[in-house]
Amino acid sequence: MRAPIDFEFVLRSIVGTASPLLGVVTSMQEQIEWHLRVASLVVGLLVGLLSMVAMIRKLRRR
């Protein structure tokens, strides 16, 4: 028979793992925000470029 799950141990391990991660994310917040902004700009440019290519192909078919 399996031993019952120790919920206090599980909760402590989750909190013990999440706390340092939260500290790192908080200290690097500015850099993370900058990377997210650049990534969203790149995705927006790619979507615009692909839309333009699709429109050019559609016009050439006519």
PDB file of N, CA and C in Angstrom:
ATOM      1  N   MET A   1       0.839  -1.188   0.000  1.00  0.00           N
ATOM      2  CA  MET A   1       0.000   0.000   0.000  1.00  0.00           C
ATOM      3  C   MET A   1       0.884   1.251   0.000  1.00  0.00           C
ATOM      4  N   ARG A   2       0.484   2.239  -0.780  1.00  0.00           N
ATOM      5  CA  ARG A   2       1.245   3.487  -0.861  1.00  0.00           C
ATOM      6  C   ARG A   2       1.044   4.356   0.362  1.00  0.00           C
ATOM      7  N   ALA A   3       2.087   5.063   0.722  1.00  0.00           N
ATOM      8  CA  ALA A   3       1.974   6.001   1.834  1.00  0.00           C
ATOM      9  C   ALA A   3       1.195   7.224   1.373  1.00  0.00           C
ATOM     10  N   PRO A   4       0.428   7.839   2.263  1.00  0.00           N
ATOM     11  CA  PRO A   4      -0.332   9.032   1.867  1.00  0.00           C
ATOM     12  C   PRO A   4       0.606  10.179   1.487  1.00  0.00           C
ATOM     13  N   ILE A   5       0.120  11.054   0.630  1.00  0.00           N
ATOM     14  CA  ILE A   5       0.915  12.187   0.176  1.00  0.00           C
ATOM     15  C   ILE A   5       1.020  13.219   1.291  1.00  0.00           C
ATOM     16  N   ASP A   6       2.215  13.675   1.539  1.00  0.00           N
ATOM     17  CA  ASP A   6       2.449  14.699   2.552  1.00  0.00           C
ATOM     18  C   ASP A   6       2.285  16.072   1.886  1.00  0.00           C
ATOM     19  N   PHE A   7       1.101  16.664   2.045  1.00  0.00           N
ATOM     20  CA  PHE A   7       0.797  17.922   1.371  1.00  0.00           C
ATOM     21  C   PHE A   7       1.653  19.076   1.877  1.00  0.00           C
ATOM     22  N   GLU A   8       2.027  19.043   3.141  1.00  0.00           N
ATOM     23  CA  GLU A   8       2.880  20.102   3.676  1.00  0.00           C
ATOM     24  C   GLU A   8       4.257  20.070   3.001  1.00  0.00           C
ATOM     25  N   PHE A   9       4.793  18.872   2.788  1.00  0.00           N
ATOM     26  CA  PHE A   9       6.074  18.738   2.111  1.00  0.00           C
ATOM     27  C   PHE A   9       5.987  19.225   0.669  1.00  0.00           C
ATOM     28  N   VAL A  10       4.898  18.865  -0.012  1.00  0.00           N
ATOM     29  CA  VAL A  10       4.701  19.295  -1.398  1.00  0.00           C
ATOM     30  C   VAL A  10       4.587  20.811  -1.470  1.00  0.00           C
ATOM     31  N   LEU A  11       3.824  21.411  -0.566  1.00  0.00           N
ATOM     32  CA  LEU A  11       3.646  22.862  -0.556  1.00  0.00           C
ATOM     33  C   LEU A  11       4.974  23.571  -0.265  1.00  0.00           C
ATOM     34  N   ARG A  12       5.734  23.060   0.680  1.00  0.00           N
ATOM     35  CA  ARG A  12       7.032  23.675   0.996  1.00  0.00           C
ATOM     36  C   ARG A  12       7.995  23.568  -0.184  1.00  0.00           C
ATOM     37  N   SER A  13       7.972  22.451  -0.871  1.00  0.00           N
ATOM     38  CA  SER A  13       8.882  22.308  -2.015  1.00  0.00           C
ATOM     39  C   SER A  13       8.479  23.242  -3.154  1.00  0.00           C
ATOM     40  N   ILE A  14       7.182  23.432  -3.372  1.00  0.00           N
ATOM     41  CA  ILE A  14       6.733  24.365  -4.415  1.00  0.00           C
ATOM     42  C   ILE A  14       7.122  25.792  -4.054  1.00  0.00           C
ATOM     43  N   VAL A  15       6.872  26.180  -2.817  1.00  0.00           N
ATOM     44  CA  VAL A  15       7.214  27.535  -2.383  1.00  0.00           C
ATOM     45  C   VAL A  15       8.732  27.730  -2.390  1.00  0.00           C
ATOM     46  N   GLY A  16       9.471  26.708  -1.986  1.00  0.00           N
ATOM     47  CA  GLY A  16      10.928  26.797  -1.975  1.00  0.00           C
ATOM     48  C   GLY A  16      11.521  26.919  -3.366  1.00  0.00           C
ATOM     49  N   THR A  17      10.854  26.336  -4.350  1.00  0.00           N
ATOM     50  CA  THR A  17      11.320  26.441  -5.727  1.00  0.00           C
ATOM     51  C   THR A  17      10.879  27.747  -6.369  1.00  0.00           C
ATOM     52  N   ALA A  18       9.676  28.185  -6.074  1.00  0.00           N
ATOM     53  CA  ALA A  18       9.122  29.383  -6.716  1.00  0.00           C
ATOM     54  C   ALA A  18       9.730  30.674  -6.166  1.00  0.00           C
ATOM     55  N   SER A  19      10.120  30.688  -4.913  1.00  0.00           N
ATOM     56  CA  SER A  19      10.649  31.919  -4.315  1.00  0.00           C
ATOM     57  C   SER A  19      11.909  32.429  -4.998  1.00  0.00           C
ATOM     58  N   PRO A  20      12.934  31.619  -5.188  1.00  0.00           N
ATOM     59  CA  PRO A  20      14.115  32.137  -5.894  1.00  0.00           C
ATOM     60  C   PRO A  20      13.816  32.513  -7.343  1.00  0.00           C
ATOM     61  N   LEU A  21      12.945  31.744  -7.977  1.00  0.00           N
ATOM     62  CA  LEU A  21      12.564  32.057  -9.349  1.00  0.00           C
ATOM     63  C   LEU A  21      11.879  33.412  -9.415  1.00  0.00           C
ATOM     64  N   LEU A  22      11.005  33.699  -8.483  1.00  0.00           N
ATOM     65  CA  LEU A  22      10.330  34.995  -8.435  1.00  0.00           C
ATOM     66  C   LEU A  22      11.331  36.118  -8.187  1.00  0.00           C
ATOM     67  N   GLY A  23      12.331  35.872  -7.343  1.00  0.00           N
ATOM     68  CA  GLY A  23      13.361  36.868  -7.095  1.00  0.00           C
ATOM     69  C   GLY A  23      14.172  37.172  -8.346  1.00  0.00           C
ATOM     70  N   VAL A  24      14.517  36.136  -9.106  1.00  0.00           N
ATOM     71  CA  VAL A  24      15.275  36.339 -10.343  1.00  0.00           C
ATOM     72  C   VAL A  24      14.443  37.109 -11.355  1.00  0.00           C
ATOM     73  N   VAL A  25      13.177  36.724 -11.503  1.00  0.00           N
ATOM     74  CA  VAL A  25      12.302  37.413 -12.454  1.00  0.00           C
ATOM     75  C   VAL A  25      12.127  38.872 -12.060  1.00  0.00           C
ATOM     76  N   THR A  26      11.972  39.138 -10.778  1.00  0.00           N
ATOM     77  CA  THR A  26      11.810  40.517 -10.311  1.00  0.00           C
ATOM     78  C   THR A  26      13.064  41.343 -10.574  1.00  0.00           C
ATOM     79  N   SER A  27      14.226  40.766 -10.334  1.00  0.00           N
ATOM     80  CA  SER A  27      15.461  41.532 -10.532  1.00  0.00           C
ATOM     81  C   SER A  27      15.769  41.743 -12.009  1.00  0.00           C
ATOM     82  N   MET A  28      15.295  40.853 -12.866  1.00  0.00           N
ATOM     83  CA  MET A  28      15.574  40.968 -14.299  1.00  0.00           C
ATOM     84  C   MET A  28      14.360  41.492 -15.070  1.00  0.00           C
ATOM     85  N   GLN A  29      13.438  42.119 -14.392  1.00  0.00           N
ATOM     86  CA  GLN A  29      12.184  42.546 -15.007  1.00  0.00           C
ATOM     87  C   GLN A  29      12.409  43.485 -16.193  1.00  0.00           C
ATOM     88  N   GLU A  30      13.326  44.415 -16.068  1.00  0.00           N
ATOM     89  CA  GLU A  30      13.571  45.379 -17.146  1.00  0.00           C
ATOM     90  C   GLU A  30      14.108  44.679 -18.401  1.00  0.00           C
ATOM     91  N   GLN A  31      15.039  43.760 -18.213  1.00  0.00           N
ATOM     92  CA  GLN A  31      15.593  43.037 -19.358  1.00  0.00           C
ATOM     93  C   GLN A  31      14.538  42.135 -20.006  1.00  0.00           C
ATOM     94  N   ILE A  32      13.736  41.483 -19.176  1.00  0.00           N
ATOM     95  CA  ILE A  32      12.682  40.609 -19.705  1.00  0.00           C
ATOM     96  C   ILE A  32      11.680  41.441 -20.493  1.00  0.00           C
ATOM     97  N   GLU A  33      11.305  42.608 -19.972  1.00  0.00           N
ATOM     98  CA  GLU A  33      10.367  43.480 -20.677  1.00  0.00           C
ATOM     99  C   GLU A  33      10.941  43.923 -22.022  1.00  0.00           C
ATOM    100  N   TRP A  34      12.223  44.253 -22.044  1.00  0.00           N
ATOM    101  CA  TRP A  34      12.866  44.672 -23.292  1.00  0.00           C
ATOM    102  C   TRP A  34      12.842  43.548 -24.313  1.00  0.00           C
ATOM    103  N   HIS A  35      13.156  42.332 -23.886  1.00  0.00           N
ATOM    104  CA  HIS A  35      13.132  41.189 -24.802  1.00  0.00           C
ATOM    105  C   HIS A  35      11.718  40.920 -25.317  1.00  0.00           C
ATOM    106  N   LEU A  36      10.733  41.049 -24.457  1.00  0.00           N
ATOM    107  CA  LEU A  36       9.348  40.845 -24.889  1.00  0.00           C
ATOM    108  C   LEU A  36       8.924  41.905 -25.904  1.00  0.00           C
ATOM    109  N   ARG A  37       9.340  43.143 -25.691  1.00  0.00           N
ATOM    110  CA  ARG A  37       8.993  44.201 -26.650  1.00  0.00           C
ATOM    111  C   ARG A  37       9.642  43.955 -28.007  1.00  0.00           C
ATOM    112  N   VAL A  38      10.910  43.577 -27.998  1.00  0.00           N
ATOM    113  CA  VAL A  38      11.602  43.304 -29.256  1.00  0.00           C
ATOM    114  C   VAL A  38      10.979  42.100 -29.955  1.00  0.00           C
ATOM    115  N   ALA A  39      10.642  41.062 -29.191  1.00  0.00           N
ATOM    116  CA  ALA A  39      10.020  39.876 -29.776  1.00  0.00           C
ATOM    117  C   ALA A  39       8.668  40.210 -30.390  1.00  0.00           C
ATOM    118  N   SER A  40       7.870  41.029 -29.717  1.00  0.00           N
ATOM    119  CA  SER A  40       6.566  41.393 -30.275  1.00  0.00           C
ATOM    120  C   SER A  40       6.733  42.254 -31.524  1.00  0.00           C
ATOM    121  N   LEU A  41       7.747  43.099 -31.557  1.00  0.00           N
ATOM    122  CA  LEU A  41       8.024  43.902 -32.749  1.00  0.00           C
ATOM    123  C   LEU A  41       8.419  43.001 -33.918  1.00  0.00           C
ATOM    124  N   VAL A  42       9.267  42.024 -33.663  1.00  0.00           N
ATOM    125  CA  VAL A  42       9.688  41.097 -34.720  1.00  0.00           C
ATOM    126  C   VAL A  42       8.499  40.293 -35.242  1.00  0.00           C
ATOM    127  N   VAL A  43       7.653  39.818 -34.342  1.00  0.00           N
ATOM    128  CA  VAL A  43       6.468  39.057 -34.769  1.00  0.00           C
ATOM    129  C   VAL A  43       5.547  39.942 -35.596  1.00  0.00           C
ATOM    130  N   GLY A  44       5.354  41.184 -35.183  1.00  0.00           N
ATOM    131  CA  GLY A  44       4.510  42.106 -35.942  1.00  0.00           C
ATOM    132  C   GLY A  44       5.069  42.377 -37.328  1.00  0.00           C
ATOM    133  N   LEU A  45       6.381  42.558 -37.416  1.00  0.00           N
ATOM    134  CA  LEU A  45       6.996  42.773 -38.721  1.00  0.00           C
ATOM    135  C   LEU A  45       6.860  41.547 -39.617  1.00  0.00           C
ATOM    136  N   LEU A  46       7.030  40.361 -39.053  1.00  0.00           N
ATOM    137  CA  LEU A  46       6.880  39.133 -39.842  1.00  0.00           C
ATOM    138  C   LEU A  46       5.452  38.963 -40.355  1.00  0.00           C
ATOM    139  N   VAL A  47       4.477  39.253 -39.516  1.00  0.00           N
ATOM    140  CA  VAL A  47       3.079  39.148 -39.941  1.00  0.00           C
ATOM    141  C   VAL A  47       2.798  40.143 -41.063  1.00  0.00           C
ATOM    142  N   GLY A  48       3.284  41.365 -40.932  1.00  0.00           N
ATOM    143  CA  GLY A  48       3.102  42.357 -41.985  1.00  0.00           C
ATOM    144  C   GLY A  48       3.776  41.949 -43.279  1.00  0.00           C
ATOM    145  N   LEU A  49       4.982  41.417 -43.180  1.00  0.00           N
ATOM    146  CA  LEU A  49       5.719  40.965 -44.355  1.00  0.00           C
ATOM    147  C   LEU A  49       5.003  39.808 -45.048  1.00  0.00           C
ATOM    148  N   LEU A  50       4.538  38.839 -44.271  1.00  0.00           N
ATOM    149  CA  LEU A  50       3.820  37.709 -44.861  1.00  0.00           C
ATOM    150  C   LEU A  50       2.498  38.150 -45.489  1.00  0.00           C
ATOM    151  N   SER A  51       1.826  39.097 -44.873  1.00  0.00           N
ATOM    152  CA  SER A  51       0.591  39.625 -45.459  1.00  0.00           C
ATOM    153  C   SER A  51       0.870  40.326 -46.776  1.00  0.00           C
ATOM    154  N   MET A  52       1.958  41.091 -46.830  1.00  0.00           N
ATOM    155  CA  MET A  52       2.321  41.786 -48.056  1.00  0.00           C
ATOM    156  C   MET A  52       2.675  40.787 -49.166  1.00  0.00           C
ATOM    157  N   VAL A  53       3.416  39.740 -48.832  1.00  0.00           N
ATOM    158  CA  VAL A  53       3.762  38.712 -49.814  1.00  0.00           C
ATOM    159  C   VAL A  53       2.508  38.033 -50.334  1.00  0.00           C
ATOM    160  N   ALA A  54       1.566  37.733 -49.455  1.00  0.00           N
ATOM    161  CA  ALA A  54       0.320  37.091 -49.876  1.00  0.00           C
ATOM    162  C   ALA A  54      -0.482  38.011 -50.804  1.00  0.00           C
ATOM    163  N   MET A  55      -0.505  39.307 -50.493  1.00  0.00           N
ATOM    164  CA  MET A  55      -1.244  40.254 -51.345  1.00  0.00           C
ATOM    165  C   MET A  55      -0.577  40.382 -52.713  1.00  0.00           C
ATOM    166  N   ILE A  56       0.752  40.416 -52.769  1.00  0.00           N
ATOM    167  CA  ILE A  56       1.464  40.517 -54.040  1.00  0.00           C
ATOM    168  C   ILE A  56       1.209  39.272 -54.889  1.00  0.00           C
ATOM    169  N   ARG A  57       1.254  38.092 -54.263  1.00  0.00           N
ATOM    170  CA  ARG A  57       0.987  36.856 -54.998  1.00  0.00           C
ATOM    171  C   ARG A  57      -0.439  36.851 -55.547  1.00  0.00           C
ATOM    172  N   LYS A  58      -1.371  37.343 -54.763  1.00  0.00           N
ATOM    173  CA  LYS A  58      -2.780  37.374 -55.197  1.00  0.00           C
ATOM    174  C   LYS A  58      -2.939  38.326 -56.390  1.00  0.00           C
ATOM    175  N   LEU A  59      -2.262  39.458 -56.344  1.00  0.00           N
ATOM    176  CA  LEU A  59      -2.362  40.420 -57.448  1.00  0.00           C
ATOM    177  C   LEU A  59      -1.700  39.897 -58.715  1.00  0.00           C
ATOM    178  N   ARG A  60      -0.634  39.149 -58.597  1.00  0.00           N
ATOM    179  CA  ARG A  60       0.060  38.608 -59.764  1.00  0.00           C
ATOM    180  C   ARG A  60      -0.765  37.529 -60.462  1.00  0.00           C
ATOM    181  N   ARG A  61      -1.601  36.817 -59.726  1.00  0.00           N
ATOM    182  CA  ARG A  61      -2.409  35.752 -60.318  1.00  0.00           C
ATOM    183  C   ARG A  61      -3.478  36.310 -61.259  1.00  0.00           C
ATOM    184  N   ARG A  62      -3.894  37.519 -61.043  1.00  0.00           N
ATOM    185  CA  ARG A  62      -4.974  38.109 -61.852  1.00  0.00           C
ATOM    186  C   ARG A  62      -4.504  38.534 -63.173  1.00  0.00           C
TER     187      ARG A  62
END
